[in-house]
Amino acid sequence: MITEKANFHTRDLINPTALDRLIIASGGVTRDFVGIFSNSIAIARNRGEGHHRGSKIGAEDINAAAGEYDGNKREEFKLDTAEDRIQLEEAFQRLVTFCTEESKCNVFLISQKLTGATKDAIDQLIDLRLIHPVKSRVTLKKGAAGELYEAYMLDVSQYTASRKVHDFHMIDLSASEKDEEIRRASLIFQES
């Protein structure tokens, strides 16, 4: 029986920026954290020791792992939304399109007054871990005085490729200036 204690530190396995990205990618869901982390370990191992990024897990590995993990979430999406799946998929696609092509940002805002099908879809997409709540009370920097919004983040798996291709802006939710960054009118999602 081995009784020797191994000295293992997180910093020996993963870069600090990658750890931050992993936390964001998992949206605070333990199951997603473990799944994405596991995938990122496999990606880093397959990269090999002599790679220019080294043997540690990096943010790029987390992005790739989150993209791969999206398949698991999509399968759960199909199983959990049998009755209203088509409407929910359409609502989700509108949010993805808004974030990746219109606002070009990982965070979006909805009015606190929003009710009906769109609000119901957002609540279901939170349960399915495809969007994540960020802040429950947001006011804009300019305009719409007194109007309150809720901030949500699109799941990382939906925009990892968009960052490079479309000049996508990813608000760092651990940064001190995040509250100011999410107060932009361009982030307001409105059903047309």
N, C-alpha and C. Protein backbone atom coordinates (compact mmCIF):
# COMPACT_ATOMS: atom_id res chain seq x y z
N MET A 1 0.82 -1.17 0.00
CA MET A 1 0.00 0.00 0.00
C MET A 1 0.88 1.25 0.00
N ILE A 2 0.54 2.19 -0.86
CA ILE A 2 1.32 3.43 -0.95
C ILE A 2 0.75 4.44 0.03
N THR A 3 1.60 4.98 0.86
CA THR A 3 1.16 5.96 1.85
C THR A 3 1.79 7.33 1.60
N GLU A 4 2.56 7.44 0.54
CA GLU A 4 3.22 8.69 0.23
C GLU A 4 2.21 9.71 -0.28
N LYS A 5 2.30 10.92 0.19
CA LYS A 5 1.40 11.99 -0.21
C LYS A 5 1.98 12.72 -1.43
N ALA A 6 1.18 12.83 -2.48
CA ALA A 6 1.63 13.53 -3.68
C ALA A 6 1.40 15.03 -3.53
N ASN A 7 2.37 15.80 -3.95
CA ASN A 7 2.23 17.25 -3.95
C ASN A 7 1.70 17.68 -5.30
N PHE A 8 0.45 17.98 -5.35
CA PHE A 8 -0.20 18.35 -6.61
C PHE A 8 -0.83 19.73 -6.44
N HIS A 9 -0.56 20.61 -7.40
CA HIS A 9 -1.12 21.95 -7.37
C HIS A 9 -1.84 22.21 -8.68
N THR A 10 -2.94 22.92 -8.61
CA THR A 10 -3.71 23.26 -9.79
C THR A 10 -2.85 23.97 -10.81
N ARG A 11 -1.97 24.85 -10.37
CA ARG A 11 -1.13 25.64 -11.28
C ARG A 11 -0.18 24.77 -12.10
N ASP A 12 0.05 23.52 -11.67
CA ASP A 12 0.90 22.60 -12.43
C ASP A 12 0.17 22.02 -13.63
N LEU A 13 -1.14 22.10 -13.63
CA LEU A 13 -1.96 21.47 -14.66
C LEU A 13 -2.63 22.46 -15.60
N ILE A 14 -3.01 23.63 -15.08
CA ILE A 14 -3.82 24.56 -15.86
C ILE A 14 -3.34 25.99 -15.65
N ASN A 15 -3.29 26.77 -16.73
CA ASN A 15 -2.92 28.18 -16.65
C ASN A 15 -4.03 28.97 -15.95
N PRO A 16 -3.68 30.04 -15.24
CA PRO A 16 -4.71 30.83 -14.54
C PRO A 16 -5.81 31.37 -15.47
N THR A 17 -5.44 31.80 -16.67
CA THR A 17 -6.46 32.30 -17.60
C THR A 17 -7.38 31.17 -18.05
N ALA A 18 -6.83 29.97 -18.17
CA ALA A 18 -7.64 28.82 -18.56
C ALA A 18 -8.62 28.45 -17.44
N LEU A 19 -8.17 28.58 -16.21
CA LEU A 19 -9.06 28.29 -15.08
C LEU A 19 -10.23 29.28 -15.06
N ASP A 20 -9.93 30.55 -15.29
CA ASP A 20 -11.00 31.56 -15.37
C ASP A 20 -11.96 31.22 -16.50
N ARG A 21 -11.43 30.84 -17.66
CA ARG A 21 -12.26 30.49 -18.80
C ARG A 21 -13.12 29.25 -18.49
N LEU A 22 -12.55 28.29 -17.79
CA LEU A 22 -13.29 27.08 -17.41
C LEU A 22 -14.47 27.42 -16.50
N ILE A 23 -14.26 28.31 -15.58
CA ILE A 23 -15.34 28.73 -14.68
C ILE A 23 -16.45 29.40 -15.48
N ILE A 24 -16.07 30.27 -16.41
CA ILE A 24 -17.07 30.94 -17.25
C ILE A 24 -17.77 29.93 -18.15
N ALA A 25 -17.00 29.03 -18.76
CA ALA A 25 -17.57 28.04 -19.69
C ALA A 25 -18.55 27.11 -19.00
N SER A 26 -18.31 26.81 -17.74
CA SER A 26 -19.20 25.90 -17.03
C SER A 26 -20.44 26.60 -16.49
N GLY A 27 -20.44 27.92 -16.50
CA GLY A 27 -21.60 28.67 -16.04
C GLY A 27 -21.96 28.38 -14.59
N GLY A 28 -20.99 27.97 -13.81
CA GLY A 28 -21.24 27.69 -12.39
C GLY A 28 -21.91 26.35 -12.15
N VAL A 29 -21.98 25.50 -13.17
CA VAL A 29 -22.62 24.19 -13.03
C VAL A 29 -21.52 23.13 -12.87
N THR A 30 -21.53 22.45 -11.74
CA THR A 30 -20.48 21.49 -11.42
C THR A 30 -20.33 20.42 -12.49
N ARG A 31 -21.43 19.86 -12.95
CA ARG A 31 -21.39 18.81 -13.97
C ARG A 31 -20.71 19.32 -15.24
N ASP A 32 -21.01 20.53 -15.65
CA ASP A 32 -20.39 21.11 -16.84
C ASP A 32 -18.91 21.38 -16.60
N PHE A 33 -18.57 21.86 -15.40
CA PHE A 33 -17.17 22.12 -15.05
C PHE A 33 -16.36 20.84 -15.21
N VAL A 34 -16.84 19.75 -14.63
CA VAL A 34 -16.12 18.48 -14.68
C VAL A 34 -16.03 17.96 -16.12
N GLY A 35 -17.13 18.04 -16.86
CA GLY A 35 -17.14 17.56 -18.25
C GLY A 35 -16.20 18.34 -19.15
N ILE A 36 -16.23 19.66 -19.05
CA ILE A 36 -15.35 20.50 -19.88
C ILE A 36 -13.90 20.34 -19.45
N PHE A 37 -13.66 20.26 -18.15
CA PHE A 37 -12.30 20.08 -17.64
C PHE A 37 -11.73 18.75 -18.13
N SER A 38 -12.53 17.71 -18.07
CA SER A 38 -12.10 16.39 -18.54
C SER A 38 -11.75 16.43 -20.03
N ASN A 39 -12.61 17.07 -20.83
CA ASN A 39 -12.34 17.20 -22.27
C ASN A 39 -11.06 18.01 -22.51
N SER A 40 -10.84 19.06 -21.72
CA SER A 40 -9.65 19.90 -21.93
C SER A 40 -8.37 19.15 -21.58
N ILE A 41 -8.43 18.27 -20.60
CA ILE A 41 -7.26 17.44 -20.27
C ILE A 41 -6.91 16.55 -21.47
N ALA A 42 -7.94 15.94 -22.07
CA ALA A 42 -7.70 15.08 -23.23
C ALA A 42 -7.11 15.88 -24.39
N ILE A 43 -7.62 17.08 -24.61
CA ILE A 43 -7.12 17.94 -25.70
C ILE A 43 -5.65 18.31 -25.45
N ALA A 44 -5.32 18.69 -24.23
CA ALA A 44 -3.94 19.06 -23.90
C ALA A 44 -3.01 17.85 -24.03
N ARG A 45 -3.47 16.69 -23.62
CA ARG A 45 -2.65 15.47 -23.73
C ARG A 45 -2.38 15.13 -25.20
N ASN A 46 -3.41 15.25 -26.03
CA ASN A 46 -3.27 14.93 -27.45
C ASN A 46 -2.34 15.91 -28.16
N ARG A 47 -2.19 17.10 -27.60
CA ARG A 47 -1.33 18.12 -28.18
C ARG A 47 0.13 17.70 -28.10
N GLY A 48 0.49 17.00 -27.07
CA GLY A 48 1.86 16.51 -26.92
C GLY A 48 2.74 17.46 -26.14
N GLU A 49 3.83 16.92 -25.65
CA GLU A 49 4.76 17.65 -24.79
C GLU A 49 5.53 18.76 -25.53
N GLY A 50 5.88 18.54 -26.80
CA GLY A 50 6.73 19.48 -27.51
C GLY A 50 6.00 20.65 -28.14
N HIS A 51 4.71 20.78 -27.89
CA HIS A 51 3.90 21.85 -28.49
C HIS A 51 4.33 23.20 -27.91
N HIS A 52 4.23 24.26 -28.73
CA HIS A 52 4.67 25.59 -28.29
C HIS A 52 3.87 26.14 -27.10
N ARG A 53 2.65 25.63 -26.88
CA ARG A 53 1.87 26.10 -25.73
C ARG A 53 2.22 25.35 -24.46
N GLY A 54 3.05 24.33 -24.57
CA GLY A 54 3.45 23.57 -23.39
C GLY A 54 2.43 22.50 -23.03
N SER A 55 2.64 21.90 -21.89
CA SER A 55 1.79 20.77 -21.50
C SER A 55 0.60 21.19 -20.63
N LYS A 56 0.60 22.43 -20.16
CA LYS A 56 -0.52 22.89 -19.32
C LYS A 56 -1.76 23.16 -20.17
N ILE A 57 -2.90 23.03 -19.54
CA ILE A 57 -4.17 23.36 -20.19
C ILE A 57 -4.25 24.88 -20.33
N GLY A 58 -4.57 25.33 -21.53
CA GLY A 58 -4.70 26.76 -21.79
C GLY A 58 -6.13 27.14 -22.13
N ALA A 59 -6.38 28.43 -22.26
CA ALA A 59 -7.72 28.93 -22.58
C ALA A 59 -8.22 28.36 -23.91
N GLU A 60 -7.31 28.18 -24.88
CA GLU A 60 -7.70 27.61 -26.17
C GLU A 60 -8.21 26.18 -26.00
N ASP A 61 -7.59 25.43 -25.09
CA ASP A 61 -8.03 24.06 -24.81
C ASP A 61 -9.43 24.06 -24.19
N ILE A 62 -9.67 25.02 -23.30
CA ILE A 62 -10.99 25.14 -22.68
C ILE A 62 -12.03 25.48 -23.74
N ASN A 63 -11.70 26.41 -24.64
CA ASN A 63 -12.64 26.76 -25.72
C ASN A 63 -12.98 25.55 -26.56
N ALA A 64 -11.96 24.79 -26.94
CA ALA A 64 -12.21 23.60 -27.76
C ALA A 64 -13.04 22.57 -26.99
N ALA A 65 -12.73 22.39 -25.72
CA ALA A 65 -13.46 21.42 -24.90
C ALA A 65 -14.91 21.85 -24.71
N ALA A 66 -15.15 23.15 -24.55
CA ALA A 66 -16.52 23.65 -24.40
C ALA A 66 -17.30 23.41 -25.68
N GLY A 67 -16.65 23.61 -26.82
CA GLY A 67 -17.29 23.35 -28.10
C GLY A 67 -17.67 21.89 -28.24
N GLU A 68 -16.78 20.99 -27.84
CA GLU A 68 -17.08 19.56 -27.89
C GLU A 68 -18.18 19.20 -26.90
N TYR A 69 -18.18 19.82 -25.75
CA TYR A 69 -19.17 19.51 -24.71
C TYR A 69 -20.58 19.96 -25.12
N ASP A 70 -20.66 20.87 -26.08
CA ASP A 70 -21.95 21.33 -26.57
C ASP A 70 -22.81 20.16 -27.05
N GLY A 71 -22.20 19.14 -27.60
CA GLY A 71 -22.96 17.96 -28.05
C GLY A 71 -23.73 17.32 -26.91
N ASN A 72 -23.13 17.24 -25.73
CA ASN A 72 -23.83 16.69 -24.56
C ASN A 72 -25.04 17.55 -24.20
N LYS A 73 -24.85 18.87 -24.20
CA LYS A 73 -25.94 19.76 -23.86
C LYS A 73 -27.06 19.68 -24.89
N ARG A 74 -26.69 19.57 -26.17
CA ARG A 74 -27.71 19.48 -27.23
C ARG A 74 -28.52 18.20 -27.11
N GLU A 75 -27.86 17.12 -26.72
CA GLU A 75 -28.57 15.85 -26.54
C GLU A 75 -29.56 15.97 -25.38
N GLU A 76 -29.12 16.58 -24.28
CA GLU A 76 -30.01 16.81 -23.15
C GLU A 76 -31.15 17.73 -23.55
N PHE A 77 -30.86 18.72 -24.37
CA PHE A 77 -31.85 19.65 -24.89
C PHE A 77 -32.96 18.87 -25.60
N LYS A 78 -32.57 17.94 -26.46
CA LYS A 78 -33.56 17.13 -27.21
C LYS A 78 -34.40 16.27 -26.27
N LEU A 79 -33.75 15.67 -25.28
CA LEU A 79 -34.47 14.79 -24.37
C LEU A 79 -35.41 15.54 -23.42
N ASP A 80 -34.97 16.72 -22.97
CA ASP A 80 -35.73 17.46 -21.97
C ASP A 80 -36.83 18.35 -22.54
N THR A 81 -36.85 18.55 -23.84
CA THR A 81 -37.80 19.51 -24.41
C THR A 81 -38.64 18.88 -25.52
N ALA A 82 -39.05 17.67 -25.34
CA ALA A 82 -39.76 16.94 -26.40
C ALA A 82 -40.97 17.70 -26.95
N GLU A 83 -41.81 18.26 -26.09
CA GLU A 83 -43.05 18.88 -26.54
C GLU A 83 -42.85 20.22 -27.22
N ASP A 84 -42.04 21.07 -26.65
CA ASP A 84 -41.89 22.43 -27.20
C ASP A 84 -40.50 22.67 -27.77
N ARG A 85 -39.84 21.61 -28.22
CA ARG A 85 -38.46 21.70 -28.68
C ARG A 85 -38.29 22.65 -29.85
N ILE A 86 -39.15 22.60 -30.84
CA ILE A 86 -38.98 23.44 -32.03
C ILE A 86 -39.02 24.92 -31.66
N GLN A 87 -40.02 25.32 -30.86
CA GLN A 87 -40.11 26.73 -30.46
C GLN A 87 -38.91 27.14 -29.62
N LEU A 88 -38.45 26.25 -28.75
CA LEU A 88 -37.31 26.56 -27.89
C LEU A 88 -36.01 26.64 -28.72
N GLU A 89 -35.85 25.75 -29.68
CA GLU A 89 -34.68 25.81 -30.57
C GLU A 89 -34.67 27.10 -31.36
N GLU A 90 -35.83 27.52 -31.85
CA GLU A 90 -35.92 28.77 -32.60
C GLU A 90 -35.59 29.97 -31.72
N ALA A 91 -36.11 29.98 -30.49
CA ALA A 91 -35.81 31.08 -29.56
C ALA A 91 -34.31 31.11 -29.25
N PHE A 92 -33.73 29.95 -29.04
CA PHE A 92 -32.30 29.89 -28.75
C PHE A 92 -31.48 30.37 -29.94
N GLN A 93 -31.88 29.96 -31.14
CA GLN A 93 -31.14 30.39 -32.34
C GLN A 93 -31.22 31.91 -32.51
N ARG A 94 -32.37 32.51 -32.17
CA ARG A 94 -32.47 33.98 -32.25
C ARG A 94 -31.50 34.65 -31.28
N LEU A 95 -31.37 34.09 -30.08
CA LEU A 95 -30.42 34.63 -29.10
C LEU A 95 -28.98 34.47 -29.58
N VAL A 96 -28.65 33.29 -30.12
CA VAL A 96 -27.29 33.05 -30.63
C VAL A 96 -26.98 34.03 -31.75
N THR A 97 -27.93 34.19 -32.68
CA THR A 97 -27.74 35.11 -33.80
C THR A 97 -27.57 36.54 -33.30
N PHE A 98 -28.39 36.95 -32.35
CA PHE A 98 -28.27 38.30 -31.79
C PHE A 98 -26.88 38.51 -31.21
N CYS A 99 -26.42 37.56 -30.39
CA CYS A 99 -25.13 37.71 -29.72
C CYS A 99 -23.95 37.63 -30.70
N THR A 100 -23.99 36.70 -31.64
CA THR A 100 -22.82 36.49 -32.50
C THR A 100 -22.79 37.40 -33.72
N GLU A 101 -23.95 37.88 -34.17
CA GLU A 101 -23.97 38.67 -35.40
C GLU A 101 -24.40 40.13 -35.21
N GLU A 102 -25.23 40.40 -34.22
CA GLU A 102 -25.71 41.77 -34.03
C GLU A 102 -24.92 42.50 -32.95
N SER A 103 -25.05 42.06 -31.71
CA SER A 103 -24.34 42.76 -30.63
C SER A 103 -22.87 42.37 -30.58
N LYS A 104 -22.53 41.19 -31.11
CA LYS A 104 -21.17 40.65 -31.11
C LYS A 104 -20.57 40.65 -29.71
N CYS A 105 -21.37 40.14 -28.78
CA CYS A 105 -20.97 40.11 -27.38
C CYS A 105 -21.58 38.86 -26.73
N ASN A 106 -20.89 38.32 -25.74
CA ASN A 106 -21.36 37.11 -25.07
C ASN A 106 -22.48 37.38 -24.05
N VAL A 107 -22.73 38.64 -23.73
CA VAL A 107 -23.76 39.00 -22.75
C VAL A 107 -24.89 39.74 -23.47
N PHE A 108 -26.12 39.46 -23.05
CA PHE A 108 -27.26 40.19 -23.59
C PHE A 108 -28.18 40.61 -22.46
N LEU A 109 -29.01 41.61 -22.72
CA LEU A 109 -29.94 42.14 -21.73
C LEU A 109 -31.37 41.93 -22.19
N ILE A 110 -32.25 41.68 -21.23
CA ILE A 110 -33.69 41.68 -21.52
C ILE A 110 -34.36 42.55 -20.47
N SER A 111 -35.47 43.16 -20.85
CA SER A 111 -36.21 44.01 -19.92
C SER A 111 -36.76 43.16 -18.78
N GLN A 112 -36.73 43.72 -17.57
CA GLN A 112 -37.34 43.01 -16.44
C GLN A 112 -38.85 42.89 -16.61
N LYS A 113 -39.43 43.73 -17.48
CA LYS A 113 -40.88 43.69 -17.72
C LYS A 113 -41.27 42.60 -18.72
N LEU A 114 -40.29 41.95 -19.35
CA LEU A 114 -40.58 40.96 -20.38
C LEU A 114 -41.38 39.79 -19.81
N THR A 115 -42.45 39.44 -20.50
CA THR A 115 -43.26 38.28 -20.13
C THR A 115 -43.58 37.51 -21.41
N GLY A 116 -44.23 36.40 -21.27
CA GLY A 116 -44.67 35.65 -22.43
C GLY A 116 -43.68 34.60 -22.89
N ALA A 117 -43.78 34.25 -24.17
CA ALA A 117 -43.02 33.14 -24.73
C ALA A 117 -41.51 33.34 -24.66
N THR A 118 -41.04 34.57 -24.92
CA THR A 118 -39.60 34.82 -24.89
C THR A 118 -39.04 34.65 -23.48
N LYS A 119 -39.72 35.18 -22.49
CA LYS A 119 -39.26 35.04 -21.10
C LYS A 119 -39.32 33.58 -20.67
N ASP A 120 -40.37 32.87 -21.07
CA ASP A 120 -40.47 31.44 -20.75
C ASP A 120 -39.32 30.66 -21.39
N ALA A 121 -39.00 30.99 -22.64
CA ALA A 121 -37.90 30.32 -23.33
C ALA A 121 -36.57 30.59 -22.62
N ILE A 122 -36.35 31.82 -22.19
CA ILE A 122 -35.11 32.16 -21.48
C ILE A 122 -35.00 31.36 -20.19
N ASP A 123 -36.10 31.26 -19.46
CA ASP A 123 -36.09 30.47 -18.22
C ASP A 123 -35.75 29.00 -18.51
N GLN A 124 -36.31 28.45 -19.57
CA GLN A 124 -36.02 27.05 -19.92
C GLN A 124 -34.57 26.89 -20.39
N LEU A 125 -34.06 27.85 -21.13
CA LEU A 125 -32.68 27.78 -21.61
C LEU A 125 -31.68 27.89 -20.46
N ILE A 126 -32.05 28.58 -19.39
CA ILE A 126 -31.22 28.61 -18.19
C ILE A 126 -31.19 27.21 -17.57
N ASP A 127 -32.36 26.59 -17.45
CA ASP A 127 -32.43 25.24 -16.90
C ASP A 127 -31.62 24.24 -17.72
N LEU A 128 -31.56 24.46 -19.04
CA LEU A 128 -30.81 23.58 -19.93
C LEU A 128 -29.33 23.94 -20.01
N ARG A 129 -28.91 24.99 -19.27
CA ARG A 129 -27.52 25.43 -19.18
C ARG A 129 -26.96 25.93 -20.51
N LEU A 130 -27.85 26.50 -21.34
CA LEU A 130 -27.40 27.07 -22.61
C LEU A 130 -27.23 28.59 -22.52
N ILE A 131 -27.86 29.20 -21.52
CA ILE A 131 -27.59 30.58 -21.15
C ILE A 131 -27.47 30.62 -19.63
N HIS A 132 -26.80 31.65 -19.14
CA HIS A 132 -26.52 31.72 -17.70
C HIS A 132 -26.83 33.13 -17.19
N PRO A 133 -27.52 33.22 -16.05
CA PRO A 133 -27.79 34.54 -15.47
C PRO A 133 -26.49 35.21 -15.04
N VAL A 134 -26.40 36.52 -15.27
CA VAL A 134 -25.21 37.28 -14.90
C VAL A 134 -25.54 38.30 -13.82
N LYS A 135 -26.60 39.06 -14.05
CA LYS A 135 -26.97 40.10 -13.09
C LYS A 135 -28.47 40.36 -13.21
N SER A 136 -29.15 40.47 -12.09
CA SER A 136 -30.62 40.60 -12.11
C SER A 136 -31.10 42.04 -12.22
N ARG A 137 -30.22 42.99 -12.04
CA ARG A 137 -30.65 44.40 -12.08
C ARG A 137 -29.58 45.24 -12.79
N VAL A 138 -29.91 45.68 -13.99
CA VAL A 138 -28.97 46.47 -14.80
C VAL A 138 -29.70 47.71 -15.31
N THR A 139 -29.05 48.85 -15.18
CA THR A 139 -29.55 50.08 -15.81
C THR A 139 -28.57 50.45 -16.91
N LEU A 140 -29.06 51.16 -17.91
CA LEU A 140 -28.22 51.56 -19.03
C LEU A 140 -27.39 52.79 -18.70
N LYS A 141 -26.27 52.94 -19.39
CA LYS A 141 -25.44 54.14 -19.23
C LYS A 141 -26.18 55.36 -19.75
N LYS A 142 -26.82 55.21 -20.92
CA LYS A 142 -27.52 56.32 -21.55
C LYS A 142 -28.91 55.86 -21.97
N GLY A 143 -29.89 56.76 -21.89
CA GLY A 143 -31.24 56.47 -22.36
C GLY A 143 -32.02 55.56 -21.44
N ALA A 144 -33.30 55.41 -21.75
CA ALA A 144 -34.22 54.54 -21.03
C ALA A 144 -34.11 54.72 -19.51
N ALA A 145 -34.20 55.94 -19.07
CA ALA A 145 -34.09 56.24 -17.63
C ALA A 145 -35.13 55.45 -16.84
N GLY A 146 -34.68 54.80 -15.80
CA GLY A 146 -35.57 54.05 -14.94
C GLY A 146 -35.88 52.64 -15.43
N GLU A 147 -35.56 52.33 -16.66
CA GLU A 147 -35.81 50.99 -17.19
C GLU A 147 -34.79 50.02 -16.61
N LEU A 148 -35.26 48.88 -16.14
CA LEU A 148 -34.38 47.87 -15.56
C LEU A 148 -34.29 46.66 -16.48
N TYR A 149 -33.10 46.08 -16.52
CA TYR A 149 -32.83 44.92 -17.36
C TYR A 149 -32.19 43.81 -16.54
N GLU A 150 -32.24 42.61 -17.09
CA GLU A 150 -31.53 41.47 -16.54
C GLU A 150 -30.46 41.10 -17.55
N ALA A 151 -29.27 40.74 -17.05
CA ALA A 151 -28.16 40.36 -17.93
C ALA A 151 -27.97 38.85 -17.90
N TYR A 152 -27.73 38.29 -19.10
CA TYR A 152 -27.49 36.86 -19.27
C TYR A 152 -26.27 36.67 -20.15
N MET A 153 -25.63 35.53 -19.99
CA MET A 153 -24.49 35.20 -20.82
C MET A 153 -24.84 33.98 -21.67
N LEU A 154 -24.53 34.07 -22.93
CA LEU A 154 -24.67 32.93 -23.83
C LEU A 154 -23.59 31.91 -23.47
N ASP A 155 -23.93 30.64 -23.50
CA ASP A 155 -22.97 29.60 -23.16
C ASP A 155 -21.74 29.69 -24.07
N VAL A 156 -20.56 29.53 -23.50
CA VAL A 156 -19.30 29.65 -24.22
C VAL A 156 -19.26 28.76 -25.46
N SER A 157 -19.86 27.61 -25.41
CA SER A 157 -19.84 26.67 -26.54
C SER A 157 -20.44 27.28 -27.80
N GLN A 158 -21.24 28.32 -27.65
CA GLN A 158 -21.93 28.91 -28.79
C GLN A 158 -21.12 30.01 -29.49
N TYR A 159 -20.02 30.45 -28.90
CA TYR A 159 -19.30 31.55 -29.52
C TYR A 159 -17.78 31.41 -29.52
N THR A 160 -17.25 30.26 -29.20
CA THR A 160 -15.79 30.14 -29.16
C THR A 160 -15.17 30.45 -30.51
N ALA A 161 -15.79 30.04 -31.61
CA ALA A 161 -15.24 30.33 -32.94
C ALA A 161 -15.53 31.78 -33.35
N SER A 162 -16.62 32.35 -32.87
CA SER A 162 -17.02 33.70 -33.27
C SER A 162 -16.06 34.77 -32.80
N ARG A 163 -15.34 34.53 -31.71
CA ARG A 163 -14.42 35.54 -31.19
C ARG A 163 -13.38 35.94 -32.22
N LYS A 164 -12.83 34.98 -32.93
CA LYS A 164 -11.78 35.29 -33.89
C LYS A 164 -12.36 35.74 -35.22
N VAL A 165 -13.43 35.11 -35.66
CA VAL A 165 -13.96 35.35 -37.00
C VAL A 165 -14.70 36.67 -37.10
N HIS A 166 -15.48 37.01 -36.11
CA HIS A 166 -16.39 38.15 -36.23
C HIS A 166 -16.10 39.30 -35.27
N ASP A 167 -14.88 39.41 -34.79
CA ASP A 167 -14.54 40.47 -33.85
C ASP A 167 -15.48 40.47 -32.65
N PHE A 168 -15.67 39.30 -32.11
CA PHE A 168 -16.59 39.07 -31.01
C PHE A 168 -15.97 39.57 -29.70
N HIS A 169 -16.75 40.28 -28.88
CA HIS A 169 -16.28 40.81 -27.60
C HIS A 169 -16.78 39.92 -26.47
N MET A 170 -15.86 39.40 -25.70
CA MET A 170 -16.24 38.56 -24.57
C MET A 170 -16.04 39.36 -23.29
N ILE A 171 -17.13 39.66 -22.61
CA ILE A 171 -17.04 40.38 -21.35
C ILE A 171 -16.55 39.41 -20.29
N ASP A 172 -15.47 39.78 -19.64
CA ASP A 172 -14.88 38.96 -18.58
C ASP A 172 -15.68 39.20 -17.31
N LEU A 173 -16.43 38.20 -16.90
CA LEU A 173 -17.31 38.36 -15.74
C LEU A 173 -16.56 38.39 -14.41
N SER A 174 -15.26 38.13 -14.45
CA SER A 174 -14.48 38.25 -13.22
C SER A 174 -13.79 39.61 -13.13
N ALA A 175 -13.88 40.41 -14.18
CA ALA A 175 -13.22 41.72 -14.20
C ALA A 175 -14.01 42.75 -13.40
N SER A 176 -13.30 43.70 -12.83
CA SER A 176 -13.95 44.72 -12.01
C SER A 176 -14.84 45.65 -12.84
N GLU A 177 -14.54 45.82 -14.13
CA GLU A 177 -15.32 46.73 -14.97
C GLU A 177 -16.50 46.06 -15.67
N LYS A 178 -16.79 44.80 -15.35
CA LYS A 178 -17.87 44.08 -16.03
C LYS A 178 -19.22 44.78 -15.87
N ASP A 179 -19.50 45.33 -14.71
CA ASP A 179 -20.79 45.99 -14.49
C ASP A 179 -20.98 47.17 -15.43
N GLU A 180 -19.93 47.91 -15.70
CA GLU A 180 -20.02 49.03 -16.65
C GLU A 180 -20.17 48.53 -18.09
N GLU A 181 -19.47 47.44 -18.41
CA GLU A 181 -19.51 46.92 -19.78
C GLU A 181 -20.89 46.39 -20.18
N ILE A 182 -21.65 45.89 -19.22
CA ILE A 182 -22.96 45.32 -19.57
C ILE A 182 -24.07 46.37 -19.59
N ARG A 183 -23.74 47.62 -19.40
CA ARG A 183 -24.76 48.68 -19.36
C ARG A 183 -24.94 49.36 -20.71
N ARG A 184 -24.69 48.65 -21.80
CA ARG A 184 -24.80 49.23 -23.14
C ARG A 184 -26.13 48.89 -23.78
N ALA A 185 -26.74 49.86 -24.41
CA ALA A 185 -28.03 49.65 -25.09
C ALA A 185 -27.91 48.65 -26.23
N SER A 186 -26.73 48.52 -26.81
CA SER A 186 -26.54 47.60 -27.93
C SER A 186 -26.68 46.14 -27.50
N LEU A 187 -26.70 45.88 -26.21
CA LEU A 187 -26.83 44.52 -25.71
C LEU A 187 -28.28 44.10 -25.45
N ILE A 188 -29.22 45.01 -25.66
CA ILE A 188 -30.63 44.70 -25.39
C ILE A 188 -31.19 43.79 -26.48
N PHE A 189 -31.66 42.63 -26.07
CA PHE A 189 -32.32 41.70 -26.98
C PHE A 189 -33.81 41.98 -26.95
N GLN A 190 -34.38 42.22 -28.14
CA GLN A 190 -35.81 42.44 -28.24
C GLN A 190 -36.36 41.56 -29.35
N GLU A 191 -37.46 40.88 -29.06
CA GLU A 191 -38.11 40.07 -30.09
C GLU A 191 -38.68 41.00 -31.15
N SER A 192 -38.50 40.61 -32.40
CA SER A 192 -39.04 41.45 -33.48
C SER A 192 -40.44 41.03 -33.87
